[in-house]
Amino acid sequence: MDPEEPIYVDTPTVACDGGGGALGHPKVYLKFNEHAEIVCPYCSKRYVLNPDAPAASHGH
């Protein structure tokens, strides 16, 4: 997977383990706040909350 390519999700919290196996890392739960994008502190995968996701209630 291209590390620059974001992963689109529909939930306000995502779990990332780096893909498992030898290349993985401890599972962490990442929660979106006012931003619709979050980066895993371990593997730098970018997760983007779909703007039309049912959980995307981060409007003002």
C-alpha atoms as a PDB file:
ATOM      1  CA  MET A   1       0.000   0.000   0.000  1.00  0.00           C
ATOM      2  CA  ASP A   2       1.239   3.462  -0.871  1.00  0.00           C
ATOM      3  CA  PRO A   3       1.845   5.328   2.416  1.00  0.00           C
ATOM      4  CA  GLU A   4       0.644   8.557   0.790  1.00  0.00           C
ATOM      5  CA  GLU A   5      -2.735   7.020  -0.102  1.00  0.00           C
ATOM      6  CA  PRO A   6      -5.358   7.779   2.586  1.00  0.00           C
ATOM      7  CA  ILE A   7      -7.700   5.131   3.931  1.00  0.00           C
ATOM      8  CA  TYR A   8     -11.329   6.274   3.931  1.00  0.00           C
ATOM      9  CA  VAL A   9     -13.441   5.156   6.878  1.00  0.00           C
ATOM     10  CA  ASP A  10     -17.040   5.594   8.036  1.00  0.00           C
ATOM     11  CA  THR A  11     -16.547   5.448  11.803  1.00  0.00           C
ATOM     12  CA  PRO A  12     -15.334   8.131  14.244  1.00  0.00           C
ATOM     13  CA  THR A  13     -12.772   5.696  15.702  1.00  0.00           C
ATOM     14  CA  VAL A  14     -10.382   3.455  13.769  1.00  0.00           C
ATOM     15  CA  ALA A  15      -8.093   0.680  14.976  1.00  0.00           C
ATOM     16  CA  CYS A  16      -4.651   0.460  13.374  1.00  0.00           C
ATOM     17  CA  ASP A  17      -2.110  -2.311  13.861  1.00  0.00           C
ATOM     18  CA  GLY A  18       0.108  -1.475  10.912  1.00  0.00           C
ATOM     19  CA  GLY A  19      -1.189  -4.374   8.835  1.00  0.00           C
ATOM     20  CA  GLY A  20      -0.185  -7.175  11.198  1.00  0.00           C
ATOM     21  CA  GLY A  21       2.675  -9.621  10.852  1.00  0.00           C
ATOM     22  CA  ALA A  22       6.303  -8.570  11.240  1.00  0.00           C
ATOM     23  CA  LEU A  23       5.522  -5.133   9.808  1.00  0.00           C
ATOM     24  CA  GLY A  24       2.767  -4.446  12.309  1.00  0.00           C
ATOM     25  CA  HIS A  25       2.744  -2.542  15.591  1.00  0.00           C
ATOM     26  CA  PRO A  26       0.634  -2.643  18.774  1.00  0.00           C
ATOM     27  CA  LYS A  27      -3.026  -1.975  17.995  1.00  0.00           C
ATOM     28  CA  VAL A  28      -3.969   1.610  18.659  1.00  0.00           C
ATOM     29  CA  TYR A  29      -7.389   3.240  18.496  1.00  0.00           C
ATOM     30  CA  LEU A  30      -7.416   6.575  16.734  1.00  0.00           C
ATOM     31  CA  LYS A  31     -10.341   8.933  17.247  1.00  0.00           C
ATOM     32  CA  PHE A  32     -11.310  11.759  14.930  1.00  0.00           C
ATOM     33  CA  ASN A  33     -11.887  15.101  16.610  1.00  0.00           C
ATOM     34  CA  GLU A  34     -12.656  18.339  14.768  1.00  0.00           C
ATOM     35  CA  HIS A  35     -10.401  17.204  11.939  1.00  0.00           C
ATOM     36  CA  ALA A  36     -11.608  14.693   9.355  1.00  0.00           C
ATOM     37  CA  GLU A  37      -8.113  13.229   9.008  1.00  0.00           C
ATOM     38  CA  ILE A  38      -5.860  11.391  11.446  1.00  0.00           C
ATOM     39  CA  VAL A  39      -2.368   9.900  11.087  1.00  0.00           C
ATOM     40  CA  CYS A  40      -1.221   6.804  12.955  1.00  0.00           C
ATOM     41  CA  PRO A  41       1.696   7.718  15.243  1.00  0.00           C
ATOM     42  CA  TYR A  42       3.326   4.324  14.628  1.00  0.00           C
ATOM     43  CA  CYS A  43       3.115   3.725  10.886  1.00  0.00           C
ATOM     44  CA  SER A  44       1.950   7.108   9.523  1.00  0.00           C
ATOM     45  CA  LYS A  45      -1.067   5.646   7.715  1.00  0.00           C
ATOM     46  CA  ARG A  46      -3.536   8.421   6.979  1.00  0.00           C
ATOM     47  CA  TYR A  47      -7.183   7.799   7.793  1.00  0.00           C
ATOM     48  CA  VAL A  48      -9.828  10.139   6.394  1.00  0.00           C
ATOM     49  CA  LEU A  49     -13.412  10.258   7.625  1.00  0.00           C
ATOM     50  CA  ASN A  50     -15.807  10.055   4.698  1.00  0.00           C
ATOM     51  CA  PRO A  51     -17.740  13.337   4.503  1.00  0.00           C
ATOM     52  CA  ASP A  52     -21.005  11.436   3.993  1.00  0.00           C
ATOM     53  CA  ALA A  53     -20.375   8.939   6.802  1.00  0.00           C
ATOM     54  CA  PRO A  54     -23.277   8.614   9.256  1.00  0.00           C
ATOM     55  CA  ALA A  55     -20.863   9.317  12.126  1.00  0.00           C
ATOM     56  CA  ALA A  56     -19.479  12.461  10.494  1.00  0.00           C
ATOM     57  CA  SER A  57     -21.212  14.919  12.766  1.00  0.00           C
ATOM     58  CA  HIS A  58     -18.245  17.232  13.137  1.00  0.00           C
ATOM     59  CA  GLY A  59     -20.041  20.159  11.538  1.00  0.00           C
ATOM     60  CA  HIS A  60     -20.322  23.465  13.339  1.00  0.00           C
END
